[in-house]
Amino acid sequence: MLKQSVSSSATLPGHYRLTSSCGLMALPLSLFLGGCVVAIPVVTGVAQGVEHQKKQNEEAANESRMWKFNCLVACHHPDEIARGEIDHGILVVRHDKLWIVPRDDQNKPVPPMDHVEGQAPLHAFAGFYIAYPDEDRSPPERGLVTTISDDPPMLNWTYCDRNTHEIKYSNRSGSIMHHIGVWDWTEDESHLSFDGWEGFMAIDEWDGADEANATPWGREGLRWAVYFDKDANGLKGKKGSKDMYGIRLERRIQSAEEQLKQNEAAEKKMQVKSRGGLSTQFAAPQKERDKEWEKKFGEKARKELEEKLARDKEQGEGPSW
């Protein structure tokens, strides 16, 4: 639609051109009232479209937006439970929600309970920024996608539930009716933000040992779910009597090896829908390591990416590495 609007501005009738206002004396009054007045929103819409396209181009040129990152959790509340179970945690994706679990020295998630029968390994949030595909959102909003599985590789949109204000993930059809952005980083690019601020909360979803088996997450020992204080009122009417603590989500940029591994999977298996949405499941056979593969994902590509990451790291405080 944007390309059509911009191109059509060059073929609009003379009285629809911005320059036509310079020759108003040559136009009948009726044409001025019926033409140039109508032209104002047309020209304004084109100008806004061009400006938005420029911003999109700038965003696309910012490689840092596409670097995958994990989210490390900090909670500075003095309560022992907050410091022991939330602080120094990491975000994982599970049961359509984002959860906080402990992390080890390699920043890998540690399951709250060992040896849960039938439990798949925890999958750490691994996200990057990209415009959300929705023609009804104008201008488009910056979204946040995360991998939710390595095998098979899958991507979902991260969003704030419009009713509960939980931070969840789903495909496009499951997320489009909720708050999907604007996702961003803080001024120093170190922490995650939503709607312009860091209103993230950890809420206790576990009501005690007697009810631990009542939910899938309870049976796995998952306790602390991530919410967003959308109305800046302490989640009034959303959390009930559950314990709640404010948290910060620090961006930890993945290594070059991790980045390329996911980029390779995306290269082989990601498909874009006709309306621009992300396919939520991908399938393709293993690709031979030919010259094209080596150029994109081989040792030289790894070294080049490492150099880019190192240069970005030197420019400021930024995220964790």
C-alpha atoms as a PDB file:
ATOM      1  CA  MET A   1       0.000   0.000   0.000  1.00  0.00           C
ATOM      2  CA  LEU A   2       2.830   2.378   0.758  1.00  0.00           C
ATOM      3  CA  LYS A   3       4.481   1.874  -2.602  1.00  0.00           C
ATOM      4  CA  GLN A   4       1.179   2.458  -4.336  1.00  0.00           C
ATOM      5  CA  SER A   5       0.565   5.675  -2.423  1.00  0.00           C
ATOM      6  CA  VAL A   6       4.015   7.055  -3.179  1.00  0.00           C
ATOM      7  CA  SER A   7       3.944   6.157  -6.832  1.00  0.00           C
ATOM      8  CA  SER A   8       0.390   7.412  -7.325  1.00  0.00           C
ATOM      9  CA  SER A   9       1.375  10.833  -6.007  1.00  0.00           C
ATOM     10  CA  ALA A  10       3.402  11.354  -9.176  1.00  0.00           C
ATOM     11  CA  THR A  11       0.378  10.753 -11.396  1.00  0.00           C
ATOM     12  CA  LEU A  12      -2.288  12.568  -9.407  1.00  0.00           C
ATOM     13  CA  PRO A  13      -4.207  15.294 -11.265  1.00  0.00           C
ATOM     14  CA  GLY A  14      -2.619  18.742 -11.040  1.00  0.00           C
ATOM     15  CA  HIS A  15      -4.912  20.019  -8.300  1.00  0.00           C
ATOM     16  CA  TYR A  16      -3.860  17.104  -6.088  1.00  0.00           C
ATOM     17  CA  ARG A  17      -0.211  18.090  -6.225  1.00  0.00           C
ATOM     18  CA  LEU A  18       1.276  20.112  -3.397  1.00  0.00           C
ATOM     19  CA  THR A  19       2.814  22.464  -5.952  1.00  0.00           C
ATOM     20  CA  SER A  20      -0.603  23.271  -7.408  1.00  0.00           C
ATOM     21  CA  SER A  21      -1.348  25.494  -4.424  1.00  0.00           C
ATOM     22  CA  CYS A  22       1.203  27.938  -5.821  1.00  0.00           C
ATOM     23  CA  GLY A  23      -1.089  28.576  -8.784  1.00  0.00           C
ATOM     24  CA  LEU A  24      -4.342  29.109  -6.971  1.00  0.00           C
ATOM     25  CA  MET A  25      -5.136  32.296  -8.906  1.00  0.00           C
ATOM     26  CA  ALA A  26      -5.366  30.281 -12.094  1.00  0.00           C
ATOM     27  CA  LEU A  27      -7.903  27.869 -10.608  1.00  0.00           C
ATOM     28  CA  PRO A  28     -11.643  28.390 -10.298  1.00  0.00           C
ATOM     29  CA  LEU A  29     -12.779  28.877  -6.688  1.00  0.00           C
ATOM     30  CA  SER A  30     -14.924  25.761  -6.855  1.00  0.00           C
ATOM     31  CA  LEU A  31     -11.930  23.695  -7.943  1.00  0.00           C
ATOM     32  CA  PHE A  32      -9.868  25.175  -5.101  1.00  0.00           C
ATOM     33  CA  LEU A  33     -12.524  24.302  -2.523  1.00  0.00           C
ATOM     34  CA  GLY A  34     -13.261  20.895  -3.988  1.00  0.00           C
ATOM     35  CA  GLY A  35      -9.746  19.979  -5.033  1.00  0.00           C
ATOM     36  CA  CYS A  36      -6.898  21.465  -3.027  1.00  0.00           C
ATOM     37  CA  VAL A  37      -8.733  21.071   0.287  1.00  0.00           C
ATOM     38  CA  VAL A  38      -9.168  17.399  -0.489  1.00  0.00           C
ATOM     39  CA  ALA A  39      -5.531  17.258  -1.543  1.00  0.00           C
ATOM     40  CA  ILE A  40      -4.280  18.163   1.925  1.00  0.00           C
ATOM     41  CA  PRO A  41      -4.934  14.746   3.530  1.00  0.00           C
ATOM     42  CA  VAL A  42      -3.753  12.996   0.360  1.00  0.00           C
ATOM     43  CA  VAL A  43      -0.404  14.795   0.340  1.00  0.00           C
ATOM     44  CA  THR A  44      -0.104  14.539   4.126  1.00  0.00           C
ATOM     45  CA  GLY A  45      -0.736  10.801   3.970  1.00  0.00           C
ATOM     46  CA  VAL A  46       1.936  10.390   1.299  1.00  0.00           C
ATOM     47  CA  ALA A  47       4.415  12.450   3.318  1.00  0.00           C
ATOM     48  CA  GLN A  48       3.702  10.406   6.439  1.00  0.00           C
ATOM     49  CA  GLY A  49       4.141   7.230   4.438  1.00  0.00           C
ATOM     50  CA  VAL A  50       7.484   8.368   3.070  1.00  0.00           C
ATOM     51  CA  GLU A  51       8.654   9.350   6.552  1.00  0.00           C
ATOM     52  CA  HIS A  52       7.590   5.993   7.979  1.00  0.00           C
ATOM     53  CA  GLN A  53       9.353   4.173   5.147  1.00  0.00           C
ATOM     54  CA  LYS A  54      12.547   6.089   5.975  1.00  0.00           C
ATOM     55  CA  LYS A  55      12.262   4.991   9.602  1.00  0.00           C
ATOM     56  CA  GLN A  56      11.687   1.402   8.511  1.00  0.00           C
ATOM     57  CA  ASN A  57      14.769   1.552   6.293  1.00  0.00           C
ATOM     58  CA  GLU A  58      16.828   2.867   9.207  1.00  0.00           C
ATOM     59  CA  GLU A  59      15.492   0.065  11.404  1.00  0.00           C
ATOM     60  CA  ALA A  60      16.290  -2.553   8.777  1.00  0.00           C
ATOM     61  CA  ALA A  61      19.835  -1.222   8.515  1.00  0.00           C
ATOM     62  CA  ASN A  62      20.326  -1.643  12.271  1.00  0.00           C
ATOM     63  CA  GLU A  63      21.789  -5.124  12.511  1.00  0.00           C
ATOM     64  CA  SER A  64      21.688  -5.007  16.295  1.00  0.00           C
ATOM     65  CA  ARG A  65      17.893  -5.307  16.191  1.00  0.00           C
ATOM     66  CA  MET A  66      18.239  -8.728  14.580  1.00  0.00           C
ATOM     67  CA  TRP A  67      20.801 -10.127  16.989  1.00  0.00           C
ATOM     68  CA  LYS A  68      19.285 -12.869  19.069  1.00  0.00           C
ATOM     69  CA  PHE A  69      19.377 -12.431  22.808  1.00  0.00           C
ATOM     70  CA  ASN A  70      18.410 -14.271  25.977  1.00  0.00           C
ATOM     71  CA  CYS A  71      16.838 -12.451  28.927  1.00  0.00           C
ATOM     72  CA  LEU A  72      18.587 -12.510  32.290  1.00  0.00           C
ATOM     73  CA  VAL A  73      16.418 -11.591  35.265  1.00  0.00           C
ATOM     74  CA  ALA A  74      17.300  -9.258  38.124  1.00  0.00           C
ATOM     75  CA  CYS A  75      15.154  -8.593  41.189  1.00  0.00           C
ATOM     76  CA  HIS A  76      16.481  -6.246  43.863  1.00  0.00           C
ATOM     77  CA  HIS A  77      13.660  -6.635  46.371  1.00  0.00           C
ATOM     78  CA  PRO A  78      15.033  -7.386  49.847  1.00  0.00           C
ATOM     79  CA  ASP A  79      12.706 -10.352  50.444  1.00  0.00           C
ATOM     80  CA  GLU A  80      14.595 -13.609  50.748  1.00  0.00           C
ATOM     81  CA  ILE A  81      12.279 -15.421  48.347  1.00  0.00           C
ATOM     82  CA  ALA A  82      12.796 -12.753  45.663  1.00  0.00           C
ATOM     83  CA  ARG A  83      16.568 -12.851  45.992  1.00  0.00           C
ATOM     84  CA  GLY A  84      16.639 -16.636  46.133  1.00  0.00           C
ATOM     85  CA  GLU A  85      14.152 -17.634  43.406  1.00  0.00           C
ATOM     86  CA  ILE A  86      13.910 -14.680  41.010  1.00  0.00           C
ATOM     87  CA  ASP A  87      17.147 -12.699  41.081  1.00  0.00           C
ATOM     88  CA  HIS A  88      19.905 -14.136  38.875  1.00  0.00           C
ATOM     89  CA  GLY A  89      17.296 -16.039  36.858  1.00  0.00           C
ATOM     90  CA  ILE A  90      16.670 -16.477  33.145  1.00  0.00           C
ATOM     91  CA  LEU A  91      13.503 -16.435  31.032  1.00  0.00           C
ATOM     92  CA  VAL A  92      12.208 -19.663  29.523  1.00  0.00           C
ATOM     93  CA  VAL A  93       9.220 -20.303  27.252  1.00  0.00           C
ATOM     94  CA  ARG A  94       6.815 -22.959  28.500  1.00  0.00           C
ATOM     95  CA  HIS A  95       3.058 -23.615  28.380  1.00  0.00           C
ATOM     96  CA  ASP A  96       2.464 -20.512  26.207  1.00  0.00           C
ATOM     97  CA  LYS A  97       3.974 -18.175  28.836  1.00  0.00           C
ATOM     98  CA  LEU A  98       7.307 -16.737  29.939  1.00  0.00           C
ATOM     99  CA  TRP A  99       8.715 -18.082  33.209  1.00  0.00           C
ATOM    100  CA  ILE A 100      11.674 -17.319  35.438  1.00  0.00           C
ATOM    101  CA  VAL A 101      13.955 -20.175  36.451  1.00  0.00           C
ATOM    102  CA  PRO A 102      17.490 -20.271  37.904  1.00  0.00           C
ATOM    103  CA  ARG A 103      20.482 -20.212  35.571  1.00  0.00           C
ATOM    104  CA  ASP A 104      23.924 -21.798  35.790  1.00  0.00           C
ATOM    105  CA  ASP A 105      27.352 -20.243  35.235  1.00  0.00           C
ATOM    106  CA  GLN A 106      26.957 -20.697  31.461  1.00  0.00           C
ATOM    107  CA  ASN A 107      23.633 -18.823  31.510  1.00  0.00           C
ATOM    108  CA  LYS A 108      21.673 -21.986  30.802  1.00  0.00           C
ATOM    109  CA  PRO A 109      18.280 -22.579  32.474  1.00  0.00           C
ATOM    110  CA  VAL A 110      18.196 -24.933  35.446  1.00  0.00           C
ATOM    111  CA  PRO A 111      14.939 -26.917  35.879  1.00  0.00           C
ATOM    112  CA  PRO A 112      13.210 -26.174  39.224  1.00  0.00           C
ATOM    113  CA  MET A 113      12.544 -29.903  39.629  1.00  0.00           C
ATOM    114  CA  ASP A 114      14.697 -32.821  38.551  1.00  0.00           C
ATOM    115  CA  HIS A 115      13.566 -35.946  36.749  1.00  0.00           C
ATOM    116  CA  VAL A 116       9.987 -34.935  35.906  1.00  0.00           C
ATOM    117  CA  GLU A 117       8.552 -37.777  33.849  1.00  0.00           C
ATOM    118  CA  GLY A 118       7.883 -36.814  30.232  1.00  0.00           C
ATOM    119  CA  GLN A 119       9.256 -33.282  30.665  1.00  0.00           C
ATOM    120  CA  ALA A 120      11.017 -31.810  27.640  1.00  0.00           C
ATOM    121  CA  PRO A 121      14.172 -29.750  28.295  1.00  0.00           C
ATOM    122  CA  LEU A 122      13.565 -26.128  29.211  1.00  0.00           C
ATOM    123  CA  HIS A 123      13.937 -23.735  26.282  1.00  0.00           C
ATOM    124  CA  ALA A 124      15.462 -20.347  27.062  1.00  0.00           C
ATOM    125  CA  PHE A 125      13.821 -17.287  25.531  1.00  0.00           C
ATOM    126  CA  ALA A 126      15.884 -16.328  22.449  1.00  0.00           C
ATOM    127  CA  GLY A 127      14.375 -13.316  20.753  1.00  0.00           C
ATOM    128  CA  PHE A 128      14.952 -10.536  18.251  1.00  0.00           C
ATOM    129  CA  TYR A 129      13.038  -7.482  17.082  1.00  0.00           C
ATOM    130  CA  ILE A 130      11.005  -7.349  13.880  1.00  0.00           C
ATOM    131  CA  ALA A 131       7.984  -5.378  12.627  1.00  0.00           C
ATOM    132  CA  TYR A 132       4.674  -7.067  13.416  1.00  0.00           C
ATOM    133  CA  PRO A 133       2.704  -7.926  10.215  1.00  0.00           C
ATOM    134  CA  ASP A 134      -0.708  -6.306  10.641  1.00  0.00           C
ATOM    135  CA  GLU A 135      -2.160  -3.894   8.090  1.00  0.00           C
ATOM    136  CA  ASP A 136      -4.593  -2.518  10.674  1.00  0.00           C
ATOM    137  CA  ARG A 137      -1.730  -1.230  12.841  1.00  0.00           C
ATOM    138  CA  SER A 138      -0.537   1.994  11.265  1.00  0.00           C
ATOM    139  CA  PRO A 139       2.254   2.721  11.545  1.00  0.00           C
ATOM    140  CA  PRO A 140       3.411  -0.869  12.055  1.00  0.00           C
ATOM    141  CA  GLU A 141       4.587  -1.702  15.565  1.00  0.00           C
ATOM    142  CA  ARG A 142       7.908  -3.293  16.427  1.00  0.00           C
ATOM    143  CA  GLY A 143       7.295  -6.832  17.637  1.00  0.00           C
ATOM    144  CA  LEU A 144       9.439  -9.383  19.407  1.00  0.00           C
ATOM    145  CA  VAL A 145       9.755 -12.997  18.293  1.00  0.00           C
ATOM    146  CA  THR A 146      11.362 -15.846  20.170  1.00  0.00           C
ATOM    147  CA  THR A 147      12.369 -19.355  19.344  1.00  0.00           C
ATOM    148  CA  ILE A 148      10.179 -21.765  21.294  1.00  0.00           C
ATOM    149  CA  SER A 149      11.787 -24.993  20.128  1.00  0.00           C
ATOM    150  CA  ASP A 150      15.042 -26.149  18.560  1.00  0.00           C
ATOM    151  CA  ASP A 151      13.757 -29.429  17.187  1.00  0.00           C
ATOM    152  CA  PRO A 152      11.682 -28.735  15.233  1.00  0.00           C
ATOM    153  CA  PRO A 153      12.765 -25.093  14.969  1.00  0.00           C
ATOM    154  CA  MET A 154       9.805 -22.821  15.727  1.00  0.00           C
ATOM    155  CA  LEU A 155       9.244 -19.082  16.166  1.00  0.00           C
ATOM    156  CA  ASN A 156       6.378 -17.317  17.950  1.00  0.00           C
ATOM    157  CA  TRP A 157       5.396 -13.722  18.688  1.00  0.00           C
ATOM    158  CA  THR A 158       5.797 -12.451  22.249  1.00  0.00           C
ATOM    159  CA  TYR A 159       2.874 -10.340  23.488  1.00  0.00           C
ATOM    160  CA  CYS A 160       1.073  -8.917  26.529  1.00  0.00           C
ATOM    161  CA  ASP A 161      -2.315 -10.553  27.086  1.00  0.00           C
ATOM    162  CA  ARG A 162      -4.976  -7.865  26.823  1.00  0.00           C
ATOM    163  CA  ASN A 163      -7.043  -9.358  29.672  1.00  0.00           C
ATOM    164  CA  THR A 164      -4.526 -10.718  32.178  1.00  0.00           C
ATOM    165  CA  HIS A 165      -1.395  -8.716  31.201  1.00  0.00           C
ATOM    166  CA  GLU A 166       0.653 -11.912  31.239  1.00  0.00           C
ATOM    167  CA  ILE A 167       3.586 -12.031  28.836  1.00  0.00           C
ATOM    168  CA  LYS A 168       2.813 -14.906  26.498  1.00  0.00           C
ATOM    169  CA  TYR A 169       3.802 -16.224  23.088  1.00  0.00           C
ATOM    170  CA  SER A 170       1.820 -17.516  20.134  1.00  0.00           C
ATOM    171  CA  ASN A 171       1.623 -17.478  16.355  1.00  0.00           C
ATOM    172  CA  ARG A 172       0.210 -14.495  14.486  1.00  0.00           C
ATOM    173  CA  SER A 173      -3.428 -15.566  14.724  1.00  0.00           C
ATOM    174  CA  GLY A 174      -3.085 -16.162  18.457  1.00  0.00           C
ATOM    175  CA  SER A 175      -1.342 -12.867  19.181  1.00  0.00           C
ATOM    176  CA  ILE A 176      -2.934 -10.339  16.847  1.00  0.00           C
ATOM    177  CA  MET A 177      -5.800  -9.385  19.172  1.00  0.00           C
ATOM    178  CA  HIS A 178      -3.455  -8.645  22.076  1.00  0.00           C
ATOM    179  CA  HIS A 179      -0.801  -6.008  22.875  1.00  0.00           C
ATOM    180  CA  ILE A 180       2.101  -6.955  20.616  1.00  0.00           C
ATOM    181  CA  GLY A 181       4.275  -3.862  21.042  1.00  0.00           C
ATOM    182  CA  VAL A 182       6.012  -1.627  20.923  1.00  0.00           C
ATOM    183  CA  TRP A 183       8.919  -3.769  22.116  1.00  0.00           C
ATOM    184  CA  ASP A 184      12.249  -2.025  22.452  1.00  0.00           C
ATOM    185  CA  TRP A 185      15.416  -1.746  24.499  1.00  0.00           C
ATOM    186  CA  THR A 186      16.428   0.858  27.063  1.00  0.00           C
ATOM    187  CA  GLU A 187      18.501   3.870  26.039  1.00  0.00           C
ATOM    188  CA  ASP A 188      21.766   2.015  26.606  1.00  0.00           C
ATOM    189  CA  GLU A 189      20.368  -1.064  24.787  1.00  0.00           C
ATOM    190  CA  SER A 190      20.977  -3.188  27.885  1.00  0.00           C
ATOM    191  CA  HIS A 191      17.437  -4.053  29.040  1.00  0.00           C
ATOM    192  CA  LEU A 192      14.081  -4.955  27.542  1.00  0.00           C
ATOM    193  CA  SER A 193      11.220  -2.452  27.478  1.00  0.00           C
ATOM    194  CA  PHE A 194       7.575  -2.534  26.400  1.00  0.00           C
ATOM    195  CA  ASP A 195       5.393   0.481  25.595  1.00  0.00           C
ATOM    196  CA  GLY A 196       8.306   2.742  26.473  1.00  0.00           C
ATOM    197  CA  TRP A 197       9.131   1.527  29.977  1.00  0.00           C
ATOM    198  CA  GLU A 198      10.260  -1.409  32.119  1.00  0.00           C
ATOM    199  CA  GLY A 199       7.057  -2.428  33.849  1.00  0.00           C
ATOM    200  CA  PHE A 200       7.798  -6.150  34.107  1.00  0.00           C
ATOM    201  CA  MET A 201       6.622  -8.123  37.130  1.00  0.00           C
ATOM    202  CA  ALA A 202       7.186 -11.620  38.463  1.00  0.00           C
ATOM    203  CA  ILE A 203       4.011 -13.167  39.911  1.00  0.00           C
ATOM    204  CA  ASP A 204       3.822 -16.338  41.964  1.00  0.00           C
ATOM    205  CA  GLU A 205       1.577 -18.821  40.118  1.00  0.00           C
ATOM    206  CA  TRP A 206       2.036 -21.566  42.705  1.00  0.00           C
ATOM    207  CA  ASP A 207      -0.443 -21.730  45.566  1.00  0.00           C
ATOM    208  CA  GLY A 208       1.300 -24.318  47.652  1.00  0.00           C
ATOM    209  CA  ALA A 209       2.277 -27.977  47.652  1.00  0.00           C
ATOM    210  CA  ASP A 210      -1.313 -29.163  47.896  1.00  0.00           C
ATOM    211  CA  GLU A 211      -2.119 -27.600  44.534  1.00  0.00           C
ATOM    212  CA  ALA A 212       1.225 -28.089  42.801  1.00  0.00           C
ATOM    213  CA  ASN A 213      -0.122 -30.872  40.592  1.00  0.00           C
ATOM    214  CA  ALA A 214      -3.234 -28.959  39.528  1.00  0.00           C
ATOM    215  CA  THR A 215      -1.503 -27.302  36.549  1.00  0.00           C
ATOM    216  CA  PRO A 216       1.063 -28.427  33.962  1.00  0.00           C
ATOM    217  CA  TRP A 217       3.528 -25.799  35.189  1.00  0.00           C
ATOM    218  CA  GLY A 218       2.948 -26.754  38.818  1.00  0.00           C
ATOM    219  CA  ARG A 219       3.855 -30.346  38.061  1.00  0.00           C
ATOM    220  CA  GLU A 220       7.159 -29.097  36.614  1.00  0.00           C
ATOM    221  CA  GLY A 221       7.933 -26.785  39.520  1.00  0.00           C
ATOM    222  CA  LEU A 222       7.470 -23.599  37.465  1.00  0.00           C
ATOM    223  CA  ARG A 223       6.408 -20.842  39.816  1.00  0.00           C
ATOM    224  CA  TRP A 224       7.285 -17.315  38.694  1.00  0.00           C
ATOM    225  CA  ALA A 225       5.462 -16.051  35.583  1.00  0.00           C
ATOM    226  CA  VAL A 226       6.197 -12.744  33.836  1.00  0.00           C
ATOM    227  CA  TYR A 227       3.537 -10.018  33.652  1.00  0.00           C
ATOM    228  CA  PHE A 228       3.590  -6.405  32.467  1.00  0.00           C
ATOM    229  CA  ASP A 229       2.091  -3.541  34.461  1.00  0.00           C
ATOM    230  CA  LYS A 230       0.231  -2.234  31.410  1.00  0.00           C
ATOM    231  CA  ASP A 231      -1.881   0.293  33.308  1.00  0.00           C
ATOM    232  CA  ALA A 232       0.929   1.336  35.682  1.00  0.00           C
ATOM    233  CA  ASN A 233      -1.239   0.544  38.692  1.00  0.00           C
ATOM    234  CA  GLY A 234       0.582  -2.400  40.212  1.00  0.00           C
ATOM    235  CA  LEU A 235      -1.543  -4.860  38.195  1.00  0.00           C
ATOM    236  CA  LYS A 236      -4.596  -3.934  40.229  1.00  0.00           C
ATOM    237  CA  GLY A 237      -7.354  -6.449  39.605  1.00  0.00           C
ATOM    238  CA  LYS A 238      -4.973  -8.817  37.797  1.00  0.00           C
ATOM    239  CA  LYS A 239      -2.843 -10.545  40.415  1.00  0.00           C
ATOM    240  CA  GLY A 240      -5.317 -11.165  43.247  1.00  0.00           C
ATOM    241  CA  SER A 241      -3.505 -12.120  46.433  1.00  0.00           C
ATOM    242  CA  LYS A 242      -0.483 -13.597  44.659  1.00  0.00           C
ATOM    243  CA  ASP A 243       3.003 -12.412  45.551  1.00  0.00           C
ATOM    244  CA  MET A 244       4.507  -9.967  43.056  1.00  0.00           C
ATOM    245  CA  TYR A 245       7.950  -8.445  42.578  1.00  0.00           C
ATOM    246  CA  GLY A 246       9.295  -5.933  40.075  1.00  0.00           C
ATOM    247  CA  ILE A 247      11.999  -7.281  37.776  1.00  0.00           C
ATOM    248  CA  ARG A 248      14.403  -6.083  35.089  1.00  0.00           C
ATOM    249  CA  LEU A 249      15.120  -8.113  31.965  1.00  0.00           C
ATOM    250  CA  GLU A 250      18.691  -7.799  30.785  1.00  0.00           C
ATOM    251  CA  ARG A 251      19.541  -8.620  27.185  1.00  0.00           C
ATOM    252  CA  ARG A 252      22.308 -11.188  26.837  1.00  0.00           C
ATOM    253  CA  ILE A 253      23.503 -11.282  23.237  1.00  0.00           C
ATOM    254  CA  GLN A 254      24.037 -14.827  22.058  1.00  0.00           C
ATOM    255  CA  SER A 255      27.455 -15.886  20.826  1.00  0.00           C
ATOM    256  CA  ALA A 256      28.338 -15.872  17.137  1.00  0.00           C
ATOM    257  CA  GLU A 257      28.077 -19.653  17.116  1.00  0.00           C
ATOM    258  CA  GLU A 258      24.567 -19.528  18.594  1.00  0.00           C
ATOM    259  CA  GLN A 259      23.537 -16.747  16.210  1.00  0.00           C
ATOM    260  CA  LEU A 260      24.705 -18.609  13.109  1.00  0.00           C
ATOM    261  CA  LYS A 261      23.131 -21.855  14.230  1.00  0.00           C
ATOM    262  CA  GLN A 262      19.733 -20.183  14.406  1.00  0.00           C
ATOM    263  CA  ASN A 263      20.337 -18.201  11.221  1.00  0.00           C
ATOM    264  CA  GLU A 264      21.072 -21.424   9.384  1.00  0.00           C
ATOM    265  CA  ALA A 265      17.841 -22.949  10.642  1.00  0.00           C
ATOM    266  CA  ALA A 266      15.942 -19.837   9.553  1.00  0.00           C
ATOM    267  CA  GLU A 267      17.622 -19.883   6.141  1.00  0.00           C
ATOM    268  CA  LYS A 268      16.495 -23.429   5.520  1.00  0.00           C
ATOM    269  CA  LYS A 269      13.151 -23.522   7.226  1.00  0.00           C
ATOM    270  CA  MET A 270      11.570 -20.100   7.699  1.00  0.00           C
ATOM    271  CA  GLN A 271       8.750 -19.239   5.323  1.00  0.00           C
ATOM    272  CA  VAL A 272       6.992 -15.907   4.999  1.00  0.00           C
ATOM    273  CA  LYS A 273       3.222 -15.949   4.561  1.00  0.00           C
ATOM    274  CA  SER A 274       1.584 -13.969   1.787  1.00  0.00           C
ATOM    275  CA  ARG A 275       0.598 -11.215   4.238  1.00  0.00           C
ATOM    276  CA  GLY A 276       4.013 -11.012   5.799  1.00  0.00           C
ATOM    277  CA  GLY A 277       3.484 -13.175   8.867  1.00  0.00           C
ATOM    278  CA  LEU A 278       6.060 -15.560  10.251  1.00  0.00           C
ATOM    279  CA  SER A 279       5.470 -19.244   9.732  1.00  0.00           C
ATOM    280  CA  THR A 280       5.350 -20.883  13.143  1.00  0.00           C
ATOM    281  CA  GLN A 281       6.733 -24.248  12.116  1.00  0.00           C
ATOM    282  CA  PHE A 282       9.404 -25.047   9.603  1.00  0.00           C
ATOM    283  CA  ALA A 283      10.423 -28.189   7.807  1.00  0.00           C
ATOM    284  CA  ALA A 284      13.164 -28.807   5.268  1.00  0.00           C
ATOM    285  CA  PRO A 285      15.788 -31.488   4.594  1.00  0.00           C
ATOM    286  CA  GLN A 286      19.391 -31.077   5.755  1.00  0.00           C
ATOM    287  CA  LYS A 287      21.315 -28.838   3.354  1.00  0.00           C
ATOM    288  CA  GLU A 288      24.695 -29.862   2.030  1.00  0.00           C
ATOM    289  CA  ARG A 289      27.645 -27.740   3.139  1.00  0.00           C
ATOM    290  CA  ASP A 290      28.276 -26.204  -0.246  1.00  0.00           C
ATOM    291  CA  LYS A 291      30.076 -22.933  -0.969  1.00  0.00           C
ATOM    292  CA  GLU A 292      26.941 -20.859  -0.417  1.00  0.00           C
ATOM    293  CA  TRP A 293      26.399 -22.458   2.962  1.00  0.00           C
ATOM    294  CA  GLU A 294      30.037 -21.908   3.910  1.00  0.00           C
ATOM    295  CA  LYS A 295      29.775 -18.239   2.948  1.00  0.00           C
ATOM    296  CA  LYS A 296      26.752 -17.688   5.179  1.00  0.00           C
ATOM    297  CA  PHE A 297      27.377 -20.041   8.080  1.00  0.00           C
ATOM    298  CA  GLY A 298      30.941 -21.346   7.884  1.00  0.00           C
ATOM    299  CA  GLU A 299      34.083 -20.460   9.801  1.00  0.00           C
ATOM    300  CA  LYS A 300      34.637 -17.197   7.929  1.00  0.00           C
ATOM    301  CA  ALA A 301      31.061 -16.073   8.634  1.00  0.00           C
ATOM    302  CA  ARG A 302      31.525 -16.936  12.308  1.00  0.00           C
ATOM    303  CA  LYS A 303      34.692 -14.850  12.547  1.00  0.00           C
ATOM    304  CA  GLU A 304      33.085 -11.909  10.763  1.00  0.00           C
ATOM    305  CA  LEU A 305      30.108 -11.981  13.103  1.00  0.00           C
ATOM    306  CA  GLU A 306      32.368 -12.249  16.126  1.00  0.00           C
ATOM    307  CA  GLU A 307      34.198  -9.132  14.934  1.00  0.00           C
ATOM    308  CA  LYS A 308      30.914  -7.254  14.503  1.00  0.00           C
ATOM    309  CA  LEU A 309      29.759  -8.278  17.963  1.00  0.00           C
ATOM    310  CA  ALA A 310      33.103  -7.259  19.448  1.00  0.00           C
ATOM    311  CA  ARG A 311      32.961  -3.826  17.798  1.00  0.00           C
ATOM    312  CA  ASP A 312      29.446  -3.247  19.102  1.00  0.00           C
ATOM    313  CA  LYS A 313      30.518  -4.351  22.573  1.00  0.00           C
ATOM    314  CA  GLU A 314      33.321  -1.785  22.625  1.00  0.00           C
ATOM    315  CA  GLN A 315      31.001   1.116  21.766  1.00  0.00           C
ATOM    316  CA  GLY A 316      29.325   1.291  25.153  1.00  0.00           C
ATOM    317  CA  GLU A 317      27.865  -0.493  28.140  1.00  0.00           C
ATOM    318  CA  GLY A 318      25.083  -2.114  26.167  1.00  0.00           C
ATOM    319  CA  PRO A 319      23.721  -5.598  26.841  1.00  0.00           C
ATOM    320  CA  SER A 320      25.455  -8.577  28.411  1.00  0.00           C
ATOM    321  CA  TRP A 321      27.714 -10.758  26.274  1.00  0.00           C
END
